[in-house]
Amino acid sequence: MLRVDRVSKSYPTPRGPLAILDAVSMSLDRGESAAIMGPSGSGKSTLLYVIGALEPPTSGTVTLDGDDPWTMSEQAQAAFRSRRVGFVFQDHLLLPQLTALENVVTPALVHPGGVTDAVRDRARELLAQVGLADRADHRPAELSGGERQRVAIARALIGSPGLLLCDEPTGNLDRTSAAAVAGLLMDLHAQLNTILVAVTHSPALAGRFGRRFELDARRLVS
């Protein structure tokens, strides 16, 4: 279970704390999905980064299967993010000098065993699942926008995370590519029984999710 309990987030400024989130709470079980919508600047991405242990909350807690990453050492936090959380961003953030396969295995570089043959086999399997088995040796510049985002999804899943977080995963894609990527996300979510949370401005994407939340005035409402 993912549990977000009364999470608030603010940033210091010369004029005092700037509040972004105020007592946000939500919970999702394995296999559930949720879309978070709201106006630009409402704090949607900040909430996603707090959920994914990239940003600490100012107050409140976020736990995944009962574990709070902010009670862990820095090394344990890094392992938590690497193994238990997958991230897909609006800008795919692929490394341009690496092939699709090499990009998919990059999260495993920080694992104790590194990039093993089993990891490479898993990466090839994921590329096949996202329809890119024949593009494994292509670099990002040789791929379309939708294909690059598919590589990013495969990379997010390389560690078999229980929680998949997506920040505007279709925001930079045309309508056809966006629909294809959205369908792929939902299919993989169902196959892998993940917890899926996505921030989006797209009603079409949000409509595919089991639950829908709105973030406005620093509060989350369903």
N, C-alpha and C. Protein backbone atom coordinates (compact mmCIF):
# COMPACT_ATOMS: atom_id res chain seq x y z
N MET A 1 0.84 -1.20 0.00
CA MET A 1 0.00 0.00 0.00
C MET A 1 0.87 1.25 0.00
N LEU A 2 0.45 2.24 -0.77
CA LEU A 2 1.01 3.59 -0.70
C LEU A 2 0.12 4.43 0.20
N ARG A 3 0.71 5.04 1.20
CA ARG A 3 -0.06 5.88 2.11
C ARG A 3 0.60 7.25 2.22
N VAL A 4 -0.14 8.27 1.85
CA VAL A 4 0.29 9.67 1.98
C VAL A 4 -0.57 10.28 3.08
N ASP A 5 0.08 10.65 4.18
CA ASP A 5 -0.67 11.05 5.37
C ASP A 5 -0.34 12.49 5.75
N ARG A 6 -1.28 13.40 5.45
CA ARG A 6 -1.22 14.81 5.85
C ARG A 6 0.15 15.43 5.49
N VAL A 7 0.49 15.27 4.24
CA VAL A 7 1.77 15.79 3.75
C VAL A 7 1.65 17.27 3.41
N SER A 8 2.54 18.06 3.98
CA SER A 8 2.67 19.48 3.63
C SER A 8 4.08 19.72 3.13
N LYS A 9 4.20 20.68 2.22
CA LYS A 9 5.52 21.01 1.68
C LYS A 9 5.60 22.51 1.46
N SER A 10 6.67 23.09 1.98
CA SER A 10 6.92 24.52 1.75
C SER A 10 8.41 24.71 1.51
N TYR A 11 8.73 25.84 0.88
CA TYR A 11 10.11 26.18 0.58
C TYR A 11 10.44 27.52 1.22
N PRO A 12 11.64 27.66 1.77
CA PRO A 12 12.00 28.94 2.37
C PRO A 12 12.23 30.01 1.30
N THR A 13 11.78 31.21 1.58
CA THR A 13 12.03 32.36 0.71
C THR A 13 12.40 33.55 1.61
N PRO A 14 12.96 34.61 1.04
CA PRO A 14 13.29 35.78 1.86
C PRO A 14 12.08 36.37 2.59
N ARG A 15 10.90 36.13 2.06
CA ARG A 15 9.68 36.68 2.68
C ARG A 15 8.97 35.67 3.57
N GLY A 16 9.61 34.54 3.79
CA GLY A 16 9.00 33.52 4.63
C GLY A 16 8.68 32.28 3.83
N PRO A 17 8.20 31.22 4.48
CA PRO A 17 7.93 29.95 3.80
C PRO A 17 6.87 30.10 2.70
N LEU A 18 7.15 29.46 1.57
CA LEU A 18 6.19 29.41 0.47
C LEU A 18 5.52 28.04 0.49
N ALA A 19 4.24 28.02 0.85
CA ALA A 19 3.52 26.75 0.99
C ALA A 19 3.09 26.24 -0.39
N ILE A 20 3.38 24.96 -0.67
CA ILE A 20 3.01 24.33 -1.93
C ILE A 20 1.92 23.29 -1.72
N LEU A 21 2.05 22.49 -0.67
CA LEU A 21 1.09 21.45 -0.34
C LEU A 21 0.64 21.62 1.10
N ASP A 22 -0.64 21.34 1.37
CA ASP A 22 -1.18 21.53 2.71
C ASP A 22 -2.00 20.32 3.12
N ALA A 23 -1.45 19.51 4.00
CA ALA A 23 -2.15 18.37 4.60
C ALA A 23 -2.79 17.46 3.54
N VAL A 24 -1.99 17.07 2.56
CA VAL A 24 -2.47 16.19 1.49
C VAL A 24 -2.45 14.74 1.96
N SER A 25 -3.55 14.04 1.74
CA SER A 25 -3.64 12.63 2.13
C SER A 25 -4.26 11.82 1.00
N MET A 26 -3.75 10.61 0.79
CA MET A 26 -4.33 9.65 -0.14
C MET A 26 -3.74 8.28 0.15
N SER A 27 -4.41 7.23 -0.27
CA SER A 27 -3.86 5.89 -0.13
C SER A 27 -4.31 5.05 -1.31
N LEU A 28 -3.39 4.20 -1.76
CA LEU A 28 -3.66 3.31 -2.89
C LEU A 28 -3.11 1.94 -2.58
N ASP A 29 -3.86 0.92 -2.93
CA ASP A 29 -3.42 -0.46 -2.78
C ASP A 29 -2.74 -0.93 -4.06
N ARG A 30 -2.01 -2.02 -3.96
CA ARG A 30 -1.39 -2.63 -5.13
C ARG A 30 -2.47 -2.92 -6.17
N GLY A 31 -2.18 -2.55 -7.41
CA GLY A 31 -3.13 -2.75 -8.49
C GLY A 31 -4.02 -1.55 -8.77
N GLU A 32 -3.99 -0.54 -7.90
CA GLU A 32 -4.81 0.66 -8.11
C GLU A 32 -4.02 1.72 -8.89
N SER A 33 -4.77 2.60 -9.55
CA SER A 33 -4.17 3.70 -10.29
C SER A 33 -4.89 4.99 -9.97
N ALA A 34 -4.14 6.10 -10.01
CA ALA A 34 -4.72 7.41 -9.70
C ALA A 34 -4.08 8.47 -10.59
N ALA A 35 -4.92 9.34 -11.14
CA ALA A 35 -4.46 10.50 -11.89
C ALA A 35 -4.63 11.73 -11.01
N ILE A 36 -3.65 12.61 -11.04
CA ILE A 36 -3.69 13.86 -10.29
C ILE A 36 -3.70 15.01 -11.29
N MET A 37 -4.75 15.80 -11.26
CA MET A 37 -4.89 16.94 -12.16
C MET A 37 -4.88 18.23 -11.36
N GLY A 38 -4.83 19.34 -12.07
CA GLY A 38 -4.82 20.64 -11.41
C GLY A 38 -4.15 21.66 -12.29
N PRO A 39 -4.36 22.95 -12.00
CA PRO A 39 -3.75 24.00 -12.81
C PRO A 39 -2.24 24.00 -12.71
N SER A 40 -1.58 24.60 -13.70
CA SER A 40 -0.13 24.71 -13.67
C SER A 40 0.30 25.47 -12.42
N GLY A 41 1.35 24.99 -11.78
CA GLY A 41 1.85 25.64 -10.57
C GLY A 41 1.12 25.27 -9.31
N SER A 42 0.22 24.29 -9.39
CA SER A 42 -0.56 23.92 -8.21
C SER A 42 0.18 22.98 -7.27
N GLY A 43 1.33 22.45 -7.72
CA GLY A 43 2.11 21.56 -6.85
C GLY A 43 2.02 20.10 -7.21
N LYS A 44 1.48 19.79 -8.39
CA LYS A 44 1.30 18.38 -8.78
C LYS A 44 2.64 17.65 -8.84
N SER A 45 3.60 18.24 -9.53
CA SER A 45 4.91 17.58 -9.65
C SER A 45 5.61 17.50 -8.30
N THR A 46 5.47 18.53 -7.50
CA THR A 46 6.05 18.50 -6.15
C THR A 46 5.50 17.32 -5.36
N LEU A 47 4.19 17.12 -5.43
CA LEU A 47 3.58 16.00 -4.73
C LEU A 47 4.15 14.68 -5.24
N LEU A 48 4.32 14.57 -6.55
CA LEU A 48 4.88 13.33 -7.11
C LEU A 48 6.29 13.08 -6.60
N TYR A 49 7.10 14.15 -6.52
CA TYR A 49 8.48 14.00 -6.06
C TYR A 49 8.53 13.64 -4.57
N VAL A 50 7.58 14.14 -3.79
CA VAL A 50 7.51 13.77 -2.38
C VAL A 50 7.11 12.30 -2.25
N ILE A 51 6.13 11.88 -3.04
CA ILE A 51 5.69 10.49 -3.01
C ILE A 51 6.85 9.56 -3.39
N GLY A 52 7.65 9.98 -4.36
CA GLY A 52 8.74 9.15 -4.85
C GLY A 52 10.04 9.29 -4.11
N ALA A 53 10.04 10.00 -2.99
CA ALA A 53 11.22 10.15 -2.13
C ALA A 53 12.35 10.93 -2.81
N LEU A 54 11.96 11.83 -3.73
CA LEU A 54 12.94 12.76 -4.30
C LEU A 54 12.99 14.06 -3.52
N GLU A 55 11.87 14.40 -2.87
CA GLU A 55 11.76 15.61 -2.06
C GLU A 55 11.20 15.23 -0.69
N PRO A 56 11.82 15.67 0.42
CA PRO A 56 11.24 15.36 1.73
C PRO A 56 10.04 16.24 2.02
N PRO A 57 9.02 15.71 2.66
CA PRO A 57 7.90 16.57 3.07
C PRO A 57 8.34 17.49 4.21
N THR A 58 7.72 18.66 4.28
CA THR A 58 7.96 19.54 5.43
C THR A 58 7.32 18.95 6.67
N SER A 59 6.16 18.34 6.50
CA SER A 59 5.50 17.61 7.58
C SER A 59 4.64 16.53 6.96
N GLY A 60 4.22 15.57 7.78
CA GLY A 60 3.46 14.43 7.28
C GLY A 60 4.39 13.30 6.86
N THR A 61 3.80 12.20 6.42
CA THR A 61 4.59 11.03 6.06
C THR A 61 4.09 10.41 4.76
N VAL A 62 5.02 9.75 4.07
CA VAL A 62 4.70 8.91 2.91
C VAL A 62 5.32 7.55 3.17
N THR A 63 4.51 6.50 3.12
CA THR A 63 5.03 5.15 3.33
C THR A 63 4.61 4.25 2.17
N LEU A 64 5.48 3.32 1.84
CA LEU A 64 5.20 2.31 0.83
C LEU A 64 5.36 0.95 1.50
N ASP A 65 4.26 0.23 1.58
CA ASP A 65 4.25 -1.05 2.31
C ASP A 65 4.79 -0.88 3.72
N GLY A 66 4.46 0.24 4.34
CA GLY A 66 4.84 0.51 5.72
C GLY A 66 6.21 1.12 5.91
N ASP A 67 6.98 1.28 4.85
CA ASP A 67 8.34 1.81 4.96
C ASP A 67 8.38 3.30 4.61
N ASP A 68 8.97 4.08 5.48
CA ASP A 68 9.13 5.53 5.28
C ASP A 68 10.57 5.79 4.88
N PRO A 69 10.83 6.20 3.63
CA PRO A 69 12.22 6.38 3.19
C PRO A 69 12.96 7.47 3.94
N TRP A 70 12.22 8.43 4.53
CA TRP A 70 12.90 9.54 5.20
C TRP A 70 13.34 9.18 6.61
N THR A 71 13.09 7.95 7.03
CA THR A 71 13.68 7.45 8.28
C THR A 71 14.92 6.61 7.98
N MET A 72 15.28 6.48 6.70
CA MET A 72 16.39 5.63 6.29
C MET A 72 17.67 6.45 6.11
N SER A 73 18.80 5.75 6.06
CA SER A 73 20.06 6.39 5.71
C SER A 73 20.01 6.81 4.24
N GLU A 74 20.94 7.69 3.84
CA GLU A 74 20.98 8.13 2.45
C GLU A 74 21.17 6.95 1.50
N GLN A 75 22.01 6.01 1.87
CA GLN A 75 22.24 4.84 1.03
C GLN A 75 20.97 4.00 0.89
N ALA A 76 20.26 3.83 2.00
CA ALA A 76 19.02 3.05 1.96
C ALA A 76 17.94 3.78 1.17
N GLN A 77 17.91 5.13 1.28
CA GLN A 77 16.97 5.91 0.48
C GLN A 77 17.23 5.71 -1.01
N ALA A 78 18.50 5.76 -1.40
CA ALA A 78 18.84 5.57 -2.81
C ALA A 78 18.41 4.20 -3.30
N ALA A 79 18.61 3.19 -2.47
CA ALA A 79 18.19 1.83 -2.83
C ALA A 79 16.66 1.75 -2.94
N PHE A 80 15.96 2.43 -2.02
CA PHE A 80 14.50 2.47 -2.04
C PHE A 80 14.01 3.05 -3.37
N ARG A 81 14.57 4.20 -3.77
CA ARG A 81 14.15 4.83 -5.02
C ARG A 81 14.48 3.96 -6.22
N SER A 82 15.65 3.35 -6.20
CA SER A 82 16.11 2.57 -7.34
C SER A 82 15.32 1.29 -7.54
N ARG A 83 14.99 0.62 -6.46
CA ARG A 83 14.39 -0.70 -6.55
C ARG A 83 12.87 -0.71 -6.42
N ARG A 84 12.32 0.27 -5.71
CA ARG A 84 10.90 0.17 -5.37
C ARG A 84 10.03 1.23 -6.03
N VAL A 85 10.67 2.22 -6.68
CA VAL A 85 9.92 3.29 -7.34
C VAL A 85 10.45 3.45 -8.77
N GLY A 86 9.53 3.52 -9.72
CA GLY A 86 9.89 3.81 -11.10
C GLY A 86 9.35 5.17 -11.49
N PHE A 87 10.15 5.94 -12.24
CA PHE A 87 9.76 7.29 -12.64
C PHE A 87 9.72 7.40 -14.17
N VAL A 88 8.65 8.03 -14.67
CA VAL A 88 8.55 8.38 -16.08
C VAL A 88 8.25 9.88 -16.13
N PHE A 89 9.12 10.63 -16.82
CA PHE A 89 8.98 12.08 -16.86
C PHE A 89 8.47 12.54 -18.22
N GLN A 90 7.98 13.78 -18.27
CA GLN A 90 7.47 14.34 -19.53
C GLN A 90 8.57 14.37 -20.59
N ASP A 91 9.74 14.86 -20.22
CA ASP A 91 10.91 14.77 -21.08
C ASP A 91 11.60 13.46 -20.72
N HIS A 92 11.66 12.57 -21.65
CA HIS A 92 12.07 11.19 -21.38
C HIS A 92 13.39 11.06 -20.63
N LEU A 93 14.27 12.06 -20.75
CA LEU A 93 15.55 12.08 -20.03
C LEU A 93 16.44 10.88 -20.37
N LEU A 94 16.36 10.43 -21.61
CA LEU A 94 17.27 9.39 -22.06
C LEU A 94 18.65 9.98 -22.31
N LEU A 95 19.68 9.19 -22.11
CA LEU A 95 21.05 9.63 -22.38
C LEU A 95 21.31 9.48 -23.87
N PRO A 96 21.61 10.59 -24.56
CA PRO A 96 21.66 10.54 -26.04
C PRO A 96 22.76 9.66 -26.61
N GLN A 97 23.83 9.45 -25.84
CA GLN A 97 24.96 8.67 -26.35
C GLN A 97 24.77 7.17 -26.20
N LEU A 98 23.70 6.77 -25.48
CA LEU A 98 23.46 5.35 -25.22
C LEU A 98 22.34 4.81 -26.11
N THR A 99 22.40 3.51 -26.37
CA THR A 99 21.33 2.86 -27.11
C THR A 99 20.10 2.72 -26.22
N ALA A 100 19.00 2.30 -26.83
CA ALA A 100 17.78 2.07 -26.06
C ALA A 100 18.04 1.04 -24.96
N LEU A 101 18.70 -0.05 -25.31
CA LEU A 101 18.98 -1.09 -24.32
C LEU A 101 19.86 -0.55 -23.20
N GLU A 102 20.89 0.20 -23.54
CA GLU A 102 21.78 0.75 -22.52
C GLU A 102 21.06 1.74 -21.62
N ASN A 103 20.13 2.52 -22.18
CA ASN A 103 19.34 3.43 -21.36
C ASN A 103 18.46 2.67 -20.38
N VAL A 104 17.87 1.57 -20.83
CA VAL A 104 16.97 0.82 -19.96
C VAL A 104 17.71 0.23 -18.76
N VAL A 105 18.95 -0.19 -18.94
CA VAL A 105 19.68 -0.83 -17.84
C VAL A 105 20.36 0.17 -16.91
N THR A 106 20.36 1.47 -17.23
CA THR A 106 21.12 2.43 -16.40
C THR A 106 20.73 2.42 -14.93
N PRO A 107 19.46 2.24 -14.53
CA PRO A 107 19.17 2.22 -13.08
C PRO A 107 19.91 1.12 -12.34
N ALA A 108 20.23 0.03 -13.04
CA ALA A 108 20.90 -1.09 -12.38
C ALA A 108 22.37 -0.80 -12.07
N LEU A 109 22.90 0.30 -12.61
CA LEU A 109 24.30 0.63 -12.34
C LEU A 109 24.55 0.86 -10.85
N VAL A 110 23.51 1.28 -10.11
CA VAL A 110 23.69 1.55 -8.68
C VAL A 110 23.34 0.34 -7.83
N HIS A 111 22.87 -0.74 -8.45
CA HIS A 111 22.57 -1.95 -7.70
C HIS A 111 23.86 -2.65 -7.33
N PRO A 112 23.88 -3.39 -6.24
CA PRO A 112 25.10 -4.08 -5.80
C PRO A 112 25.71 -4.96 -6.89
N GLY A 113 24.87 -5.66 -7.63
CA GLY A 113 25.39 -6.55 -8.66
C GLY A 113 25.70 -5.89 -9.97
N GLY A 114 25.26 -4.62 -10.14
CA GLY A 114 25.49 -3.92 -11.38
C GLY A 114 24.64 -4.46 -12.51
N VAL A 115 25.10 -4.24 -13.74
CA VAL A 115 24.36 -4.67 -14.93
C VAL A 115 24.80 -6.09 -15.29
N THR A 116 24.03 -7.03 -14.86
CA THR A 116 24.33 -8.44 -15.10
C THR A 116 23.65 -8.92 -16.38
N ASP A 117 23.96 -10.15 -16.79
CA ASP A 117 23.28 -10.72 -17.95
C ASP A 117 21.78 -10.82 -17.69
N ALA A 118 21.39 -11.11 -16.46
CA ALA A 118 19.97 -11.19 -16.13
C ALA A 118 19.29 -9.84 -16.29
N VAL A 119 19.99 -8.77 -15.92
CA VAL A 119 19.44 -7.42 -16.08
C VAL A 119 19.28 -7.10 -17.57
N ARG A 120 20.27 -7.45 -18.37
CA ARG A 120 20.17 -7.21 -19.81
C ARG A 120 19.02 -8.00 -20.43
N ASP A 121 18.86 -9.24 -19.97
CA ASP A 121 17.75 -10.06 -20.47
C ASP A 121 16.41 -9.43 -20.08
N ARG A 122 16.33 -8.92 -18.86
CA ARG A 122 15.11 -8.25 -18.41
C ARG A 122 14.85 -7.00 -19.26
N ALA A 123 15.90 -6.26 -19.59
CA ALA A 123 15.75 -5.05 -20.41
C ALA A 123 15.24 -5.41 -21.80
N ARG A 124 15.77 -6.46 -22.38
CA ARG A 124 15.30 -6.88 -23.71
C ARG A 124 13.83 -7.32 -23.65
N GLU A 125 13.48 -7.99 -22.57
CA GLU A 125 12.08 -8.41 -22.39
C GLU A 125 11.16 -7.20 -22.30
N LEU A 126 11.59 -6.18 -21.55
CA LEU A 126 10.77 -4.98 -21.42
C LEU A 126 10.67 -4.22 -22.74
N LEU A 127 11.77 -4.13 -23.47
CA LEU A 127 11.71 -3.47 -24.77
C LEU A 127 10.75 -4.21 -25.70
N ALA A 128 10.73 -5.53 -25.61
CA ALA A 128 9.78 -6.29 -26.41
C ALA A 128 8.34 -5.99 -25.97
N GLN A 129 8.13 -5.85 -24.66
CA GLN A 129 6.79 -5.56 -24.15
C GLN A 129 6.29 -4.20 -24.61
N VAL A 130 7.21 -3.24 -24.78
CA VAL A 130 6.79 -1.91 -25.23
C VAL A 130 6.89 -1.77 -26.75
N GLY A 131 7.10 -2.89 -27.43
CA GLY A 131 7.08 -2.89 -28.89
C GLY A 131 8.35 -2.42 -29.56
N LEU A 132 9.47 -2.51 -28.87
CA LEU A 132 10.72 -1.98 -29.42
C LEU A 132 11.84 -3.02 -29.45
N ALA A 133 11.47 -4.27 -29.57
CA ALA A 133 12.49 -5.33 -29.60
C ALA A 133 13.50 -5.12 -30.72
N ASP A 134 13.03 -4.57 -31.85
CA ASP A 134 13.93 -4.38 -32.99
C ASP A 134 14.63 -3.02 -32.97
N ARG A 135 14.46 -2.27 -31.88
CA ARG A 135 15.08 -0.93 -31.80
C ARG A 135 16.07 -0.85 -30.64
N ALA A 136 16.44 -1.98 -30.06
CA ALA A 136 17.28 -2.00 -28.87
C ALA A 136 18.63 -1.33 -29.09
N ASP A 137 19.16 -1.41 -30.31
CA ASP A 137 20.48 -0.85 -30.59
C ASP A 137 20.42 0.57 -31.15
N HIS A 138 19.26 1.18 -31.18
CA HIS A 138 19.10 2.53 -31.70
C HIS A 138 19.28 3.55 -30.58
N ARG A 139 19.90 4.66 -30.92
CA ARG A 139 20.05 5.75 -29.96
C ARG A 139 18.81 6.65 -30.00
N PRO A 140 18.59 7.47 -28.96
CA PRO A 140 17.37 8.28 -28.89
C PRO A 140 17.11 9.13 -30.13
N ALA A 141 18.16 9.68 -30.75
CA ALA A 141 17.98 10.53 -31.93
C ALA A 141 17.39 9.75 -33.11
N GLU A 142 17.50 8.43 -33.06
CA GLU A 142 16.97 7.58 -34.13
C GLU A 142 15.57 7.07 -33.84
N LEU A 143 14.99 7.54 -32.74
CA LEU A 143 13.66 7.10 -32.33
C LEU A 143 12.68 8.26 -32.38
N SER A 144 11.41 7.97 -32.59
CA SER A 144 10.37 9.00 -32.53
C SER A 144 10.11 9.38 -31.07
N GLY A 145 9.34 10.45 -30.89
CA GLY A 145 9.01 10.88 -29.53
C GLY A 145 8.27 9.79 -28.75
N GLY A 146 7.32 9.14 -29.40
CA GLY A 146 6.59 8.07 -28.72
C GLY A 146 7.48 6.89 -28.39
N GLU A 147 8.42 6.58 -29.30
CA GLU A 147 9.35 5.48 -29.03
C GLU A 147 10.29 5.81 -27.88
N ARG A 148 10.74 7.05 -27.82
CA ARG A 148 11.62 7.45 -26.71
C ARG A 148 10.89 7.33 -25.38
N GLN A 149 9.61 7.70 -25.37
CA GLN A 149 8.86 7.59 -24.12
C GLN A 149 8.63 6.12 -23.76
N ARG A 150 8.52 5.25 -24.74
CA ARG A 150 8.39 3.82 -24.46
C ARG A 150 9.67 3.28 -23.83
N VAL A 151 10.81 3.74 -24.33
CA VAL A 151 12.08 3.35 -23.72
C VAL A 151 12.12 3.82 -22.26
N ALA A 152 11.65 5.05 -22.02
CA ALA A 152 11.64 5.59 -20.65
C ALA A 152 10.75 4.75 -19.74
N ILE A 153 9.64 4.26 -20.26
CA ILE A 153 8.76 3.40 -19.46
C ILE A 153 9.47 2.08 -19.14
N ALA A 154 10.14 1.50 -20.14
CA ALA A 154 10.88 0.26 -19.89
C ALA A 154 11.97 0.49 -18.85
N ARG A 155 12.66 1.62 -18.93
CA ARG A 155 13.70 1.94 -17.94
C ARG A 155 13.10 2.04 -16.55
N ALA A 156 11.92 2.66 -16.43
CA ALA A 156 11.28 2.81 -15.11
C ALA A 156 10.92 1.47 -14.50
N LEU A 157 10.73 0.46 -15.34
CA LEU A 157 10.27 -0.84 -14.85
C LEU A 157 11.40 -1.85 -14.68
N ILE A 158 12.63 -1.48 -14.97
CA ILE A 158 13.73 -2.45 -14.96
C ILE A 158 13.93 -3.08 -13.58
N GLY A 159 13.66 -2.34 -12.53
CA GLY A 159 13.83 -2.89 -11.18
C GLY A 159 12.60 -3.55 -10.62
N SER A 160 11.56 -3.76 -11.46
CA SER A 160 10.29 -4.34 -11.02
C SER A 160 9.72 -3.60 -9.82
N PRO A 161 9.58 -2.26 -9.91
CA PRO A 161 9.09 -1.48 -8.76
C PRO A 161 7.62 -1.74 -8.48
N GLY A 162 7.25 -1.59 -7.23
CA GLY A 162 5.84 -1.70 -6.86
C GLY A 162 5.07 -0.43 -7.12
N LEU A 163 5.80 0.70 -7.25
CA LEU A 163 5.18 2.02 -7.43
C LEU A 163 5.74 2.65 -8.69
N LEU A 164 4.86 3.02 -9.62
CA LEU A 164 5.25 3.69 -10.85
C LEU A 164 4.65 5.09 -10.86
N LEU A 165 5.52 6.10 -10.98
CA LEU A 165 5.11 7.51 -10.95
C LEU A 165 5.40 8.15 -12.30
N CYS A 166 4.41 8.85 -12.84
CA CYS A 166 4.54 9.45 -14.17
C CYS A 166 4.19 10.93 -14.10
N ASP A 167 5.11 11.76 -14.57
CA ASP A 167 4.91 13.21 -14.57
C ASP A 167 4.65 13.67 -16.00
N GLU A 168 3.39 13.91 -16.34
CA GLU A 168 2.98 14.31 -17.69
C GLU A 168 3.59 13.38 -18.75
N PRO A 169 3.33 12.07 -18.65
CA PRO A 169 4.00 11.13 -19.54
C PRO A 169 3.64 11.27 -21.00
N THR A 170 2.51 11.93 -21.32
CA THR A 170 2.11 12.11 -22.71
C THR A 170 2.12 13.58 -23.12
N GLY A 171 2.67 14.44 -22.26
CA GLY A 171 2.57 15.89 -22.48
C GLY A 171 3.27 16.39 -23.71
N ASN A 172 4.34 15.72 -24.16
CA ASN A 172 5.10 16.17 -25.33
C ASN A 172 4.80 15.38 -26.59
N LEU A 173 3.74 14.58 -26.56
CA LEU A 173 3.45 13.70 -27.68
C LEU A 173 2.23 14.16 -28.46
N ASP A 174 2.20 13.81 -29.75
CA ASP A 174 1.01 14.08 -30.55
C ASP A 174 -0.11 13.15 -30.09
N ARG A 175 -1.32 13.41 -30.60
CA ARG A 175 -2.49 12.69 -30.08
C ARG A 175 -2.38 11.18 -30.27
N THR A 176 -1.91 10.76 -31.44
CA THR A 176 -1.81 9.33 -31.71
C THR A 176 -0.77 8.67 -30.80
N SER A 177 0.40 9.30 -30.68
CA SER A 177 1.45 8.74 -29.82
C SER A 177 1.02 8.76 -28.37
N ALA A 178 0.33 9.84 -27.95
CA ALA A 178 -0.14 9.94 -26.57
C ALA A 178 -1.10 8.80 -26.24
N ALA A 179 -2.02 8.52 -27.16
CA ALA A 179 -2.98 7.44 -26.93
C ALA A 179 -2.28 6.09 -26.83
N ALA A 180 -1.25 5.90 -27.68
CA ALA A 180 -0.51 4.63 -27.65
C ALA A 180 0.26 4.46 -26.36
N VAL A 181 0.92 5.54 -25.91
CA VAL A 181 1.69 5.47 -24.66
C VAL A 181 0.75 5.28 -23.47
N ALA A 182 -0.39 5.97 -23.47
CA ALA A 182 -1.36 5.81 -22.38
C ALA A 182 -1.86 4.37 -22.31
N GLY A 183 -2.18 3.80 -23.46
CA GLY A 183 -2.64 2.41 -23.48
C GLY A 183 -1.57 1.45 -22.99
N LEU A 184 -0.32 1.72 -23.39
CA LEU A 184 0.79 0.88 -22.95
C LEU A 184 0.97 0.96 -21.44
N LEU A 185 0.91 2.16 -20.89
CA LEU A 185 1.05 2.32 -19.44
C LEU A 185 -0.01 1.51 -18.70
N MET A 186 -1.24 1.61 -19.14
CA MET A 186 -2.32 0.92 -18.45
C MET A 186 -2.19 -0.59 -18.60
N ASP A 187 -1.76 -1.05 -19.77
CA ASP A 187 -1.58 -2.49 -19.97
C ASP A 187 -0.48 -3.04 -19.06
N LEU A 188 0.65 -2.33 -18.99
CA LEU A 188 1.76 -2.78 -18.15
C LEU A 188 1.38 -2.72 -16.67
N HIS A 189 0.65 -1.68 -16.30
CA HIS A 189 0.17 -1.55 -14.92
C HIS A 189 -0.69 -2.77 -14.54
N ALA A 190 -1.58 -3.17 -15.44
CA ALA A 190 -2.43 -4.32 -15.16
C ALA A 190 -1.63 -5.62 -15.11
N GLN A 191 -0.67 -5.77 -16.03
CA GLN A 191 0.13 -6.99 -16.08
C GLN A 191 1.01 -7.14 -14.84
N LEU A 192 1.61 -6.02 -14.40
CA LEU A 192 2.60 -6.07 -13.33
C LEU A 192 2.00 -5.80 -11.96
N ASN A 193 0.72 -5.41 -11.92
CA ASN A 193 0.02 -5.18 -10.65
C ASN A 193 0.73 -4.12 -9.80
N THR A 194 1.15 -3.05 -10.45
CA THR A 194 1.81 -1.96 -9.75
C THR A 194 0.78 -1.02 -9.12
N ILE A 195 1.27 -0.10 -8.31
CA ILE A 195 0.53 1.11 -7.95
C ILE A 195 0.97 2.16 -8.95
N LEU A 196 0.04 2.76 -9.66
CA LEU A 196 0.35 3.73 -10.72
C LEU A 196 -0.24 5.08 -10.37
N VAL A 197 0.62 6.11 -10.34
CA VAL A 197 0.17 7.48 -10.08
C VAL A 197 0.73 8.36 -11.18
N ALA A 198 -0.13 9.15 -11.81
CA ALA A 198 0.31 10.04 -12.88
C ALA A 198 -0.22 11.44 -12.66
N VAL A 199 0.65 12.41 -12.87
CA VAL A 199 0.26 13.82 -12.94
C VAL A 199 0.00 14.14 -14.41
N THR A 200 -1.11 14.77 -14.70
CA THR A 200 -1.43 15.06 -16.10
C THR A 200 -2.39 16.23 -16.22
N HIS A 201 -2.31 16.91 -17.37
CA HIS A 201 -3.31 17.91 -17.75
C HIS A 201 -4.33 17.31 -18.71
N SER A 202 -4.13 16.05 -19.09
CA SER A 202 -4.94 15.44 -20.14
C SER A 202 -6.15 14.72 -19.57
N PRO A 203 -7.37 15.22 -19.83
CA PRO A 203 -8.57 14.49 -19.39
C PRO A 203 -8.65 13.10 -20.02
N ALA A 204 -8.14 12.95 -21.26
CA ALA A 204 -8.18 11.65 -21.91
C ALA A 204 -7.34 10.63 -21.16
N LEU A 205 -6.13 11.04 -20.73
CA LEU A 205 -5.29 10.14 -19.96
C LEU A 205 -5.89 9.88 -18.58
N ALA A 206 -6.34 10.94 -17.91
CA ALA A 206 -6.90 10.79 -16.56
C ALA A 206 -8.11 9.86 -16.56
N GLY A 207 -8.87 9.88 -17.65
CA GLY A 207 -10.06 9.04 -17.74
C GLY A 207 -9.78 7.56 -17.76
N ARG A 208 -8.52 7.18 -18.02
CA ARG A 208 -8.15 5.77 -18.04
C ARG A 208 -7.84 5.23 -16.64
N PHE A 209 -7.70 6.12 -15.68
CA PHE A 209 -7.26 5.71 -14.35
C PHE A 209 -8.44 5.36 -13.46
N GLY A 210 -8.16 4.48 -12.49
CA GLY A 210 -9.22 4.04 -11.60
C GLY A 210 -9.75 5.14 -10.69
N ARG A 211 -8.84 6.04 -10.28
CA ARG A 211 -9.24 7.14 -9.41
C ARG A 211 -8.68 8.45 -9.97
N ARG A 212 -9.34 9.54 -9.64
CA ARG A 212 -8.94 10.84 -10.15
C ARG A 212 -9.00 11.86 -9.02
N PHE A 213 -7.91 12.60 -8.85
CA PHE A 213 -7.83 13.63 -7.82
C PHE A 213 -7.55 14.98 -8.47
N GLU A 214 -7.96 16.02 -7.79
CA GLU A 214 -7.69 17.39 -8.23
C GLU A 214 -6.88 18.08 -7.14
N LEU A 215 -5.78 18.71 -7.53
CA LEU A 215 -4.96 19.47 -6.59
C LEU A 215 -5.19 20.95 -6.85
N ASP A 216 -5.77 21.62 -5.88
CA ASP A 216 -6.09 23.04 -6.03
C ASP A 216 -6.00 23.69 -4.66
N ALA A 217 -5.44 24.90 -4.64
CA ALA A 217 -5.27 25.63 -3.39
C ALA A 217 -4.53 24.77 -2.35
N ARG A 218 -3.54 24.02 -2.84
CA ARG A 218 -2.63 23.22 -2.01
C ARG A 218 -3.30 21.99 -1.40
N ARG A 219 -4.55 21.75 -1.72
CA ARG A 219 -5.29 20.60 -1.15
C ARG A 219 -5.64 19.60 -2.24
N LEU A 220 -5.74 18.33 -1.88
CA LEU A 220 -6.09 17.26 -2.82
C LEU A 220 -7.52 16.81 -2.55
N VAL A 221 -8.34 16.83 -3.60
CA VAL A 221 -9.73 16.40 -3.46
C VAL A 221 -10.02 15.37 -4.54
N SER A 222 -10.91 14.42 -4.23
CA SER A 222 -11.28 13.37 -5.19
C SER A 222 -12.61 13.73 -5.85
